[in-house]
Amino acid sequence: MSEKAKETVSEGMDRAKEQAQEAKDRTKEYAHDAKEKTKDVAGSMKDRAESMKERAKEYVYDTKDSTKDVARIVVDKHREGVERTKEKTEEVAGSARETLKNMGEKAK
């Protein structure tokens, strides 16, 4: 092999080594970037999960309070209904007593 051919092969080998090293360095850089981005995404997902957890807790507490409010309203309305029924019953009973009293007086 001629000296020129040996030199060309040597240069080619050197160039191949440089390109391999550059590819290795770029791969390390990409891997590092990917690792950092993965950490960022994981942190973001964790933050979102915490936020969703807090919103869910707030929703549960709000629902619980709303349910209590509705229950109080239902109980109050029921008591009002019972009171009105009691008053009407007393009115009807008083009217019935009056009618019976009048019938008794007419029967005499």
PDB file of N, CA and C in Angstrom:
ATOM      1  N   MET A   1       0.862  -1.154   0.000  1.00  0.00           N
ATOM      2  CA  MET A   1       0.000   0.000   0.000  1.00  0.00           C
ATOM      3  C   MET A   1       0.909   1.217   0.000  1.00  0.00           C
ATOM      4  N   SER A   2       0.504   2.154  -0.780  1.00  0.00           N
ATOM      5  CA  SER A   2       1.323   3.352  -0.914  1.00  0.00           C
ATOM      6  C   SER A   2       1.198   4.234   0.317  1.00  0.00           C
ATOM      7  N   GLU A   3       2.179   5.077   0.452  1.00  0.00           N
ATOM      8  CA  GLU A   3       2.199   6.026   1.574  1.00  0.00           C
ATOM      9  C   GLU A   3       0.952   6.899   1.534  1.00  0.00           C
ATOM     10  N   LYS A   4       0.559   7.345   0.364  1.00  0.00           N
ATOM     11  CA  LYS A   4      -0.637   8.206   0.196  1.00  0.00           C
ATOM     12  C   LYS A   4      -1.884   7.444   0.640  1.00  0.00           C
ATOM     13  N   ALA A   5      -2.000   6.185   0.300  1.00  0.00           N
ATOM     14  CA  ALA A   5      -3.156   5.364   0.667  1.00  0.00           C
ATOM     15  C   ALA A   5      -3.184   5.162   2.175  1.00  0.00           C
ATOM     16  N   LYS A   6      -2.002   4.908   2.757  1.00  0.00           N
ATOM     17  CA  LYS A   6      -1.919   4.739   4.206  1.00  0.00           C
ATOM     18  C   LYS A   6      -2.357   6.019   4.918  1.00  0.00           C
ATOM     19  N   GLU A   7      -1.933   7.114   4.413  1.00  0.00           N
ATOM     20  CA  GLU A   7      -2.310   8.409   4.992  1.00  0.00           C
ATOM     21  C   GLU A   7      -3.811   8.631   4.871  1.00  0.00           C
ATOM     22  N   THR A   8      -4.370   8.313   3.740  1.00  0.00           N
ATOM     23  CA  THR A   8      -5.813   8.474   3.522  1.00  0.00           C
ATOM     24  C   THR A   8      -6.594   7.573   4.472  1.00  0.00           C
ATOM     25  N   VAL A   9      -6.149   6.341   4.636  1.00  0.00           N
ATOM     26  CA  VAL A   9      -6.809   5.401   5.561  1.00  0.00           C
ATOM     27  C   VAL A   9      -6.692   5.926   6.981  1.00  0.00           C
ATOM     28  N   SER A  10      -5.517   6.419   7.346  1.00  0.00           N
ATOM     29  CA  SER A  10      -5.304   6.947   8.689  1.00  0.00           C
ATOM     30  C   SER A  10      -6.199   8.161   8.947  1.00  0.00           C
ATOM     31  N   GLU A  11      -6.264   9.039   7.954  1.00  0.00           N
ATOM     32  CA  GLU A  11      -7.150  10.205   8.092  1.00  0.00           C
ATOM     33  C   GLU A  11      -8.604   9.772   8.206  1.00  0.00           C
ATOM     34  N   GLY A  12      -8.972   8.798   7.401  1.00  0.00           N
ATOM     35  CA  GLY A  12     -10.346   8.273   7.472  1.00  0.00           C
ATOM     36  C   GLY A  12     -10.656   7.681   8.838  1.00  0.00           C
ATOM     37  N   MET A  13      -9.681   6.945   9.387  1.00  0.00           N
ATOM     38  CA  MET A  13      -9.858   6.353  10.719  1.00  0.00           C
ATOM     39  C   MET A  13      -9.973   7.448  11.785  1.00  0.00           C
ATOM     40  N   ASP A  14      -9.133   8.452  11.690  1.00  0.00           N
ATOM     41  CA  ASP A  14      -9.195   9.560  12.642  1.00  0.00           C
ATOM     42  C   ASP A  14     -10.537  10.272  12.554  1.00  0.00           C
ATOM     43  N   ARG A  15     -10.945  10.488  11.302  1.00  0.00           N
ATOM     44  CA  ARG A  15     -12.242  11.174  11.101  1.00  0.00           C
ATOM     45  C   ARG A  15     -13.389  10.320  11.649  1.00  0.00           C
ATOM     46  N   ALA A  16     -13.342   9.029  11.436  1.00  0.00           N
ATOM     47  CA  ALA A  16     -14.380   8.117  11.947  1.00  0.00           C
ATOM     48  C   ALA A  16     -14.405   8.152  13.477  1.00  0.00           C
ATOM     49  N   LYS A  17     -13.191   8.184  14.095  1.00  0.00           N
ATOM     50  CA  LYS A  17     -13.114   8.258  15.563  1.00  0.00           C
ATOM     51  C   LYS A  17     -13.718   9.569  16.070  1.00  0.00           C
ATOM     52  N   GLU A  18     -13.407  10.662  15.405  1.00  0.00           N
ATOM     53  CA  GLU A  18     -13.958  11.969  15.797  1.00  0.00           C
ATOM     54  C   GLU A  18     -15.488  11.964  15.680  1.00  0.00           C
ATOM     55  N   GLN A  19     -15.975  11.438  14.565  1.00  0.00           N
ATOM     56  CA  GLN A  19     -17.426  11.392  14.366  1.00  0.00           C
ATOM     57  C   GLN A  19     -18.096  10.502  15.406  1.00  0.00           C
ATOM     58  N   ALA A  20     -17.439   9.390  15.731  1.00  0.00           N
ATOM     59  CA  ALA A  20     -17.979   8.495  16.763  1.00  0.00           C
ATOM     60  C   ALA A  20     -18.018   9.206  18.119  1.00  0.00           C
ATOM     61  N   GLN A  21     -16.949   9.946  18.429  1.00  0.00           N
ATOM     62  CA  GLN A  21     -16.909  10.677  19.698  1.00  0.00           C
ATOM     63  C   GLN A  21     -17.982  11.765  19.726  1.00  0.00           C
ATOM     64  N   GLU A  22     -18.133  12.491  18.612  1.00  0.00           N
ATOM     65  CA  GLU A  22     -19.169  13.524  18.528  1.00  0.00           C
ATOM     66  C   GLU A  22     -20.555  12.907  18.705  1.00  0.00           C
ATOM     67  N   ALA A  23     -20.790  11.775  18.067  1.00  0.00           N
ATOM     68  CA  ALA A  23     -22.084  11.090  18.197  1.00  0.00           C
ATOM     69  C   ALA A  23     -22.313  10.659  19.646  1.00  0.00           C
ATOM     70  N   LYS A  24     -21.250  10.154  20.278  1.00  0.00           N
ATOM     71  CA  LYS A  24     -21.335   9.740  21.685  1.00  0.00           C
ATOM     72  C   LYS A  24     -21.669  10.945  22.566  1.00  0.00           C
ATOM     73  N   ASP A  25     -20.983  12.062  22.333  1.00  0.00           N
ATOM     74  CA  ASP A  25     -21.234  13.281  23.120  1.00  0.00           C
ATOM     75  C   ASP A  25     -22.659  13.788  22.918  1.00  0.00           C
ATOM     76  N   ARG A  26     -23.123  13.791  21.659  1.00  0.00           N
ATOM     77  CA  ARG A  26     -24.494  14.244  21.383  1.00  0.00           C
ATOM     78  C   ARG A  26     -25.507  13.321  22.049  1.00  0.00           C
ATOM     79  N   THR A  27     -25.231  12.027  22.016  1.00  0.00           N
ATOM     80  CA  THR A  27     -26.132  11.058  22.656  1.00  0.00           C
ATOM     81  C   THR A  27     -26.209  11.307  24.148  1.00  0.00           C
ATOM     82  N   LYS A  28     -25.061  11.573  24.780  1.00  0.00           N
ATOM     83  CA  LYS A  28     -25.051  11.889  26.219  1.00  0.00           C
ATOM     84  C   LYS A  28     -25.860  13.157  26.489  1.00  0.00           C
ATOM     85  N   GLU A  29     -25.662  14.158  25.628  1.00  0.00           N
ATOM     86  CA  GLU A  29     -26.375  15.429  25.794  1.00  0.00           C
ATOM     87  C   GLU A  29     -27.882  15.222  25.649  1.00  0.00           C
ATOM     88  N   TYR A  30     -28.281  14.469  24.624  1.00  0.00           N
ATOM     89  CA  TYR A  30     -29.717  14.189  24.421  1.00  0.00           C
ATOM     90  C   TYR A  30     -30.288  13.404  25.591  1.00  0.00           C
ATOM     91  N   ALA A  31     -29.508  12.445  26.096  1.00  0.00           N
ATOM     92  CA  ALA A  31     -29.962  11.646  27.236  1.00  0.00           C
ATOM     93  C   ALA A  31     -30.144  12.532  28.464  1.00  0.00           C
ATOM     94  N   HIS A  32     -29.171  13.436  28.676  1.00  0.00           N
ATOM     95  CA  HIS A  32     -29.274  14.354  29.816  1.00  0.00           C
ATOM     96  C   HIS A  32     -30.508  15.258  29.671  1.00  0.00           C
ATOM     97  N   ASP A  33     -30.703  15.809  28.459  1.00  0.00           N
ATOM     98  CA  ASP A  33     -31.875  16.660  28.210  1.00  0.00           C
ATOM     99  C   ASP A  33     -33.175  15.888  28.435  1.00  0.00           C
ATOM    100  N   ALA A  34     -33.193  14.658  27.936  1.00  0.00           N
ATOM    101  CA  ALA A  34     -34.396  13.829  28.106  1.00  0.00           C
ATOM    102  C   ALA A  34     -34.662  13.553  29.584  1.00  0.00           C
ATOM    103  N   LYS A  35     -33.604  13.306  30.329  1.00  0.00           N
ATOM    104  CA  LYS A  35     -33.732  13.067  31.774  1.00  0.00           C
ATOM    105  C   LYS A  35     -34.305  14.303  32.469  1.00  0.00           C
ATOM    106  N   GLU A  36     -33.775  15.473  32.135  1.00  0.00           N
ATOM    107  CA  GLU A  36     -34.255  16.719  32.737  1.00  0.00           C
ATOM    108  C   GLU A  36     -35.723  16.983  32.371  1.00  0.00           C
ATOM    109  N   LYS A  37     -36.053  16.761  31.111  1.00  0.00           N
ATOM    110  CA  LYS A  37     -37.446  16.968  30.683  1.00  0.00           C
ATOM    111  C   LYS A  37     -38.373  15.993  31.381  1.00  0.00           C
ATOM    112  N   THR A  38     -37.918  14.757  31.563  1.00  0.00           N
ATOM    113  CA  THR A  38     -38.719  13.760  32.275  1.00  0.00           C
ATOM    114  C   THR A  38     -38.953  14.197  33.712  1.00  0.00           C
ATOM    115  N   LYS A  39     -37.902  14.730  34.357  1.00  0.00           N
ATOM    116  CA  LYS A  39     -38.049  15.241  35.725  1.00  0.00           C
ATOM    117  C   LYS A  39     -39.058  16.393  35.758  1.00  0.00           C
ATOM    118  N   ASP A  40     -38.952  17.296  34.784  1.00  0.00           N
ATOM    119  CA  ASP A  40     -39.874  18.432  34.726  1.00  0.00           C
ATOM    120  C   ASP A  40     -41.312  17.962  34.559  1.00  0.00           C
ATOM    121  N   VAL A  41     -41.507  17.008  33.652  1.00  0.00           N
ATOM    122  CA  VAL A  41     -42.860  16.490  33.413  1.00  0.00           C
ATOM    123  C   VAL A  41     -43.380  15.790  34.662  1.00  0.00           C
ATOM    124  N   ALA A  42     -42.527  15.007  35.299  1.00  0.00           N
ATOM    125  CA  ALA A  42     -42.937  14.307  36.525  1.00  0.00           C
ATOM    126  C   ALA A  42     -43.316  15.318  37.609  1.00  0.00           C
ATOM    127  N   GLY A  43     -42.520  16.369  37.738  1.00  0.00           N
ATOM    128  CA  GLY A  43     -42.834  17.405  38.738  1.00  0.00           C
ATOM    129  C   GLY A  43     -44.138  18.102  38.411  1.00  0.00           C
ATOM    130  N   SER A  44     -44.338  18.403  37.159  1.00  0.00           N
ATOM    131  CA  SER A  44     -45.574  19.054  36.729  1.00  0.00           C
ATOM    132  C   SER A  44     -46.781  18.151  36.988  1.00  0.00           C
ATOM    133  N   MET A  45     -46.626  16.868  36.678  1.00  0.00           N
ATOM    134  CA  MET A  45     -47.725  15.920  36.907  1.00  0.00           C
ATOM    135  C   MET A  45     -48.020  15.799  38.401  1.00  0.00           C
ATOM    136  N   LYS A  46     -46.981  15.807  39.210  1.00  0.00           N
ATOM    137  CA  LYS A  46     -47.165  15.723  40.661  1.00  0.00           C
ATOM    138  C   LYS A  46     -47.918  16.961  41.157  1.00  0.00           C
ATOM    139  N   ASP A  47     -47.516  18.128  40.659  1.00  0.00           N
ATOM    140  CA  ASP A  47     -48.197  19.367  41.046  1.00  0.00           C
ATOM    141  C   ASP A  47     -49.666  19.334  40.637  1.00  0.00           C
ATOM    142  N   ARG A  48     -49.917  18.874  39.425  1.00  0.00           N
ATOM    143  CA  ARG A  48     -51.304  18.791  38.959  1.00  0.00           C
ATOM    144  C   ARG A  48     -52.106  17.802  39.787  1.00  0.00           C
ATOM    145  N   ALA A  49     -51.480  16.689  40.130  1.00  0.00           N
ATOM    146  CA  ALA A  49     -52.172  15.696  40.951  1.00  0.00           C
ATOM    147  C   ALA A  49     -52.526  16.294  42.313  1.00  0.00           C
ATOM    148  N   GLU A  50     -51.600  17.035  42.910  1.00  0.00           N
ATOM    149  CA  GLU A  50     -51.866  17.686  44.199  1.00  0.00           C
ATOM    150  C   GLU A  50     -53.010  18.691  44.061  1.00  0.00           C
ATOM    151  N   SER A  51     -52.975  19.453  42.988  1.00  0.00           N
ATOM    152  CA  SER A  51     -54.024  20.440  42.748  1.00  0.00           C
ATOM    153  C   SER A  51     -55.378  19.756  42.597  1.00  0.00           C
ATOM    154  N   MET A  52     -55.400  18.678  41.828  1.00  0.00           N
ATOM    155  CA  MET A  52     -56.656  17.940  41.641  1.00  0.00           C
ATOM    156  C   MET A  52     -57.134  17.344  42.960  1.00  0.00           C
ATOM    157  N   LYS A  53     -56.206  16.875  43.756  1.00  0.00           N
ATOM    158  CA  LYS A  53     -56.543  16.306  45.068  1.00  0.00           C
ATOM    159  C   LYS A  53     -57.184  17.378  45.952  1.00  0.00           C
ATOM    160  N   GLU A  54     -56.582  18.565  45.968  1.00  0.00           N
ATOM    161  CA  GLU A  54     -57.125  19.666  46.771  1.00  0.00           C
ATOM    162  C   GLU A  54     -58.514  20.077  46.275  1.00  0.00           C
ATOM    163  N   ARG A  55     -58.663  20.174  44.933  1.00  0.00           N
ATOM    164  CA  ARG A  55     -59.975  20.540  44.388  1.00  0.00           C
ATOM    165  C   ARG A  55     -61.018  19.486  44.722  1.00  0.00           C
ATOM    166  N   ALA A  56     -60.618  18.224  44.693  1.00  0.00           N
ATOM    167  CA  ALA A  56     -61.550  17.145  45.041  1.00  0.00           C
ATOM    168  C   ALA A  56     -61.970  17.259  46.503  1.00  0.00           C
ATOM    169  N   LYS A  57     -61.008  17.559  47.375  1.00  0.00           N
ATOM    170  CA  LYS A  57     -61.342  17.738  48.795  1.00  0.00           C
ATOM    171  C   LYS A  57     -62.322  18.894  48.974  1.00  0.00           C
ATOM    172  N   GLU A  58     -62.039  20.009  48.307  1.00  0.00           N
ATOM    173  CA  GLU A  58     -62.930  21.169  48.400  1.00  0.00           C
ATOM    174  C   GLU A  58     -64.327  20.815  47.899  1.00  0.00           C
ATOM    175  N   TYR A  59     -64.386  20.076  46.797  1.00  0.00           N
ATOM    176  CA  TYR A  59     -65.681  19.664  46.251  1.00  0.00           C
ATOM    177  C   TYR A  59     -66.431  18.793  47.247  1.00  0.00           C
ATOM    178  N   VAL A  60     -65.709  17.862  47.870  1.00  0.00           N
ATOM    179  CA  VAL A  60     -66.348  16.985  48.860  1.00  0.00           C
ATOM    180  C   VAL A  60     -66.877  17.809  50.025  1.00  0.00           C
ATOM    181  N   TYR A  61     -66.065  18.756  50.525  1.00  0.00           N
ATOM    182  CA  TYR A  61     -66.513  19.586  51.638  1.00  0.00           C
ATOM    183  C   TYR A  61     -67.716  20.451  51.228  1.00  0.00           C
ATOM    184  N   ASP A  62     -67.648  21.024  50.025  1.00  0.00           N
ATOM    185  CA  ASP A  62     -68.768  21.835  49.538  1.00  0.00           C
ATOM    186  C   ASP A  62     -70.025  20.993  49.401  1.00  0.00           C
ATOM    187  N   THR A  63     -69.865  19.788  48.868  1.00  0.00           N
ATOM    188  CA  THR A  63     -71.013  18.893  48.705  1.00  0.00           C
ATOM    189  C   THR A  63     -71.577  18.510  50.060  1.00  0.00           C
ATOM    190  N   LYS A  64     -70.689  18.238  50.989  1.00  0.00           N
ATOM    191  CA  LYS A  64     -71.118  17.873  52.344  1.00  0.00           C
ATOM    192  C   LYS A  64     -71.914  19.028  52.965  1.00  0.00           C
ATOM    193  N   ASP A  65     -71.385  20.240  52.848  1.00  0.00           N
ATOM    194  CA  ASP A  65     -72.085  21.405  53.392  1.00  0.00           C
ATOM    195  C   ASP A  65     -73.417  21.632  52.686  1.00  0.00           C
ATOM    196  N   SER A  66     -73.435  21.478  51.379  1.00  0.00           N
ATOM    197  CA  SER A  66     -74.675  21.657  50.620  1.00  0.00           C
ATOM    198  C   SER A  66     -75.704  20.622  51.036  1.00  0.00           C
ATOM    199  N   THR A  67     -75.245  19.398  51.233  1.00  0.00           N
ATOM    200  CA  THR A  67     -76.155  18.334  51.661  1.00  0.00           C
ATOM    201  C   THR A  67     -76.739  18.655  53.028  1.00  0.00           C
ATOM    202  N   LYS A  68     -75.901  19.159  53.920  1.00  0.00           N
ATOM    203  CA  LYS A  68     -76.394  19.544  55.250  1.00  0.00           C
ATOM    204  C   LYS A  68     -77.434  20.665  55.122  1.00  0.00           C
ATOM    205  N   ASP A  69     -77.147  21.648  54.264  1.00  0.00           N
ATOM    206  CA  ASP A  69     -78.084  22.755  54.060  1.00  0.00           C
ATOM    207  C   ASP A  69     -79.413  22.240  53.538  1.00  0.00           C
ATOM    208  N   VAL A  70     -79.360  21.360  52.552  1.00  0.00           N
ATOM    209  CA  VAL A  70     -80.593  20.804  51.983  1.00  0.00           C
ATOM    210  C   VAL A  70     -81.343  20.009  53.043  1.00  0.00           C
ATOM    211  N   ALA A  71     -80.621  19.240  53.839  1.00  0.00           N
ATOM    212  CA  ALA A  71     -81.260  18.449  54.896  1.00  0.00           C
ATOM    213  C   ALA A  71     -81.956  19.365  55.906  1.00  0.00           C
ATOM    214  N   ARG A  72     -81.295  20.480  56.258  1.00  0.00           N
ATOM    215  CA  ARG A  72     -81.916  21.427  57.190  1.00  0.00           C
ATOM    216  C   ARG A  72     -83.195  22.018  56.593  1.00  0.00           C
ATOM    217  N   ILE A  73     -83.127  22.362  55.317  1.00  0.00           N
ATOM    218  CA  ILE A  73     -84.308  22.928  54.645  1.00  0.00           C
ATOM    219  C   ILE A  73     -85.436  21.911  54.634  1.00  0.00           C
ATOM    220  N   VAL A  74     -85.125  20.662  54.313  1.00  0.00           N
ATOM    221  CA  VAL A  74     -86.157  19.615  54.283  1.00  0.00           C
ATOM    222  C   VAL A  74     -86.763  19.440  55.670  1.00  0.00           C
ATOM    223  N   VAL A  75     -85.919  19.414  56.685  1.00  0.00           N
ATOM    224  CA  VAL A  75     -86.412  19.255  58.066  1.00  0.00           C
ATOM    225  C   VAL A  75     -87.289  20.450  58.448  1.00  0.00           C
ATOM    226  N   ASP A  76     -86.825  21.663  58.111  1.00  0.00           N
ATOM    227  CA  ASP A  76     -87.613  22.858  58.429  1.00  0.00           C
ATOM    228  C   ASP A  76     -88.963  22.831  57.724  1.00  0.00           C
ATOM    229  N   LYS A  77     -88.975  22.465  56.449  1.00  0.00           N
ATOM    230  CA  LYS A  77     -90.231  22.397  55.695  1.00  0.00           C
ATOM    231  C   LYS A  77     -91.147  21.331  56.283  1.00  0.00           C
ATOM    232  N   HIS A  78     -90.558  20.214  56.678  1.00  0.00           N
ATOM    233  CA  HIS A  78     -91.356  19.156  57.292  1.00  0.00           C
ATOM    234  C   HIS A  78     -91.981  19.651  58.605  1.00  0.00           C
ATOM    235  N   ARG A  79     -91.195  20.347  59.413  1.00  0.00           N
ATOM    236  CA  ARG A  79     -91.725  20.888  60.675  1.00  0.00           C
ATOM    237  C   ARG A  79     -92.848  21.884  60.405  1.00  0.00           C
ATOM    238  N   GLU A  80     -92.645  22.735  59.386  1.00  0.00           N
ATOM    239  CA  GLU A  80     -93.702  23.686  59.028  1.00  0.00           C
ATOM    240  C   GLU A  80     -94.966  22.951  58.608  1.00  0.00           C
ATOM    241  N   GLY A  81     -94.782  21.900  57.815  1.00  0.00           N
ATOM    242  CA  GLY A  81     -95.933  21.096  57.380  1.00  0.00           C
ATOM    243  C   GLY A  81     -96.631  20.446  58.560  1.00  0.00           C
ATOM    244  N   VAL A  82     -95.868  19.928  59.492  1.00  0.00           N
ATOM    245  CA  VAL A  82     -96.442  19.305  60.691  1.00  0.00           C
ATOM    246  C   VAL A  82     -97.205  20.356  61.495  1.00  0.00           C
ATOM    247  N   GLU A  83     -96.621  21.530  61.630  1.00  0.00           N
ATOM    248  CA  GLU A  83     -97.268  22.611  62.392  1.00  0.00           C
ATOM    249  C   GLU A  83     -98.579  23.029  61.727  1.00  0.00           C
ATOM    250  N   ARG A  84     -98.552  23.175  60.379  1.00  0.00           N
ATOM    251  CA  ARG A  84     -99.792  23.543  59.661  1.00  0.00           C
ATOM    252  C   ARG A  84    -100.846  22.457  59.807  1.00  0.00           C
ATOM    253  N   THR A  85    -100.421  21.210  59.731  1.00  0.00           N
ATOM    254  CA  THR A  85    -101.361  20.100  59.889  1.00  0.00           C
ATOM    255  C   THR A  85    -101.954  20.108  61.287  1.00  0.00           C
ATOM    256  N   LYS A  86    -101.135  20.379  62.263  1.00  0.00           N
ATOM    257  CA  LYS A  86    -101.604  20.448  63.655  1.00  0.00           C
ATOM    258  C   LYS A  86    -102.632  21.574  63.804  1.00  0.00           C
ATOM    259  N   GLU A  87    -102.307  22.756  63.220  1.00  0.00           N
ATOM    260  CA  GLU A  87    -103.241  23.892  63.304  1.00  0.00           C
ATOM    261  C   GLU A  87    -104.558  23.573  62.610  1.00  0.00           C
ATOM    262  N   LYS A  88    -104.487  22.977  61.415  1.00  0.00           N
ATOM    263  CA  LYS A  88    -105.710  22.625  60.686  1.00  0.00           C
ATOM    264  C   LYS A  88    -106.510  21.593  61.451  1.00  0.00           C
ATOM    265  N   THR A  89    -105.811  20.628  62.049  1.00  0.00           N
ATOM    266  CA  THR A  89    -106.496  19.598  62.834  1.00  0.00           C
ATOM    267  C   THR A  89    -107.221  20.236  64.014  1.00  0.00           C
ATOM    268  N   GLU A  90    -106.547  21.202  64.660  1.00  0.00           N
ATOM    269  CA  GLU A  90    -107.177  21.885  65.787  1.00  0.00           C
ATOM    270  C   GLU A  90    -108.389  22.693  65.319  1.00  0.00           C
ATOM    271  N   GLU A  91    -108.266  23.327  64.141  1.00  0.00           N
ATOM    272  CA  GLU A  91    -109.396  24.089  63.587  1.00  0.00           C
ATOM    273  C   GLU A  91    -110.573  23.169  63.299  1.00  0.00           C
ATOM    274  N   VAL A  92    -110.273  22.043  62.660  1.00  0.00           N
ATOM    275  CA  VAL A  92    -111.342  21.092  62.324  1.00  0.00           C
ATOM    276  C   VAL A  92    -111.950  20.526  63.598  1.00  0.00           C
ATOM    277  N   ALA A  93    -111.131  20.207  64.575  1.00  0.00           N
ATOM    278  CA  ALA A  93    -111.642  19.667  65.845  1.00  0.00           C
ATOM    279  C   ALA A  93    -112.506  20.707  66.546  1.00  0.00           C
ATOM    280  N   GLY A  94    -112.061  21.964  66.530  1.00  0.00           N
ATOM    281  CA  GLY A  94    -112.858  23.023  67.159  1.00  0.00           C
ATOM    282  C   GLY A  94    -114.179  23.206  66.433  1.00  0.00           C
ATOM    283  N   SER A  95    -114.129  23.184  65.104  1.00  0.00           N
ATOM    284  CA  SER A  95    -115.354  23.311  64.315  1.00  0.00           C
ATOM    285  C   SER A  95    -116.277  22.131  64.579  1.00  0.00           C
ATOM    286  N   ALA A  96    -115.723  20.931  64.677  1.00  0.00           N
ATOM    287  CA  ALA A  96    -116.534  19.738  64.952  1.00  0.00           C
ATOM    288  C   ALA A  96    -117.157  19.836  66.335  1.00  0.00           C
ATOM    289  N   ARG A  97    -116.393  20.318  67.309  1.00  0.00           N
ATOM    290  CA  ARG A  97    -116.952  20.484  68.662  1.00  0.00           C
ATOM    291  C   ARG A  97    -118.113  21.470  68.633  1.00  0.00           C
ATOM    292  N   GLU A  98    -117.896  22.558  67.909  1.00  0.00           N
ATOM    293  CA  GLU A  98    -118.932  23.593  67.801  1.00  0.00           C
ATOM    294  C   GLU A  98    -120.192  23.023  67.146  1.00  0.00           C
ATOM    295  N   THR A  99    -119.982  22.257  66.079  1.00  0.00           N
ATOM    296  CA  THR A  99    -121.122  21.649  65.379  1.00  0.00           C
ATOM    297  C   THR A  99    -121.844  20.683  66.293  1.00  0.00           C
ATOM    298  N   LEU A 100    -121.095  19.850  67.000  1.00  0.00           N
ATOM    299  CA  LEU A 100    -121.717  18.889  67.924  1.00  0.00           C
ATOM    300  C   LEU A 100    -122.450  19.611  69.055  1.00  0.00           C
ATOM    301  N   LYS A 101    -121.860  20.696  69.507  1.00  0.00           N
ATOM    302  CA  LYS A 101    -122.491  21.471  70.583  1.00  0.00           C
ATOM    303  C   LYS A 101    -123.822  22.044  70.084  1.00  0.00           C
ATOM    304  N   ASN A 102    -123.789  22.599  68.865  1.00  0.00           N
ATOM    305  CA  ASN A 102    -125.005  23.165  68.274  1.00  0.00           C
ATOM    306  C   ASN A 102    -126.061  22.083  68.036  1.00  0.00           C
ATOM    307  N   MET A 103    -125.617  20.939  67.582  1.00  0.00           N
ATOM    308  CA  MET A 103    -126.557  19.836  67.338  1.00  0.00           C
ATOM    309  C   MET A 103    -127.159  19.382  68.654  1.00  0.00           C
ATOM    310  N   GLY A 104    -126.345  19.379  69.694  1.00  0.00           N
ATOM    311  CA  GLY A 104    -126.834  18.970  71.014  1.00  0.00           C
ATOM    312  C   GLY A 104    -127.858  19.958  71.543  1.00  0.00           C
ATOM    313  N   GLU A 105    -127.653  21.236  71.295  1.00  0.00           N
ATOM    314  CA  GLU A 105    -128.590  22.241  71.763  1.00  0.00           C
ATOM    315  C   GLU A 105    -129.882  22.178  70.985  1.00  0.00           C
ATOM    316  N   LYS A 106    -129.792  21.910  69.712  1.00  0.00           N
ATOM    317  CA  LYS A 106    -131.003  21.779  68.872  1.00  0.00           C
ATOM    318  C   LYS A 106    -131.776  20.541  69.243  1.00  0.00           C
ATOM    319  N   ALA A 107    -131.081  19.519  69.668  1.00  0.00           N
ATOM    320  CA  ALA A 107    -131.762  18.266  70.019  1.00  0.00           C
ATOM    321  C   ALA A 107    -132.532  18.415  71.315  1.00  0.00           C
ATOM    322  N   LYS A 108    -132.253  19.342  72.141  1.00  0.00           N
ATOM    323  CA  LYS A 108    -132.935  19.523  73.426  1.00  0.00           C
ATOM    324  C   LYS A 108    -134.258  20.073  73.263  1.00  0.00           C
TER     325      LYS A 108
END
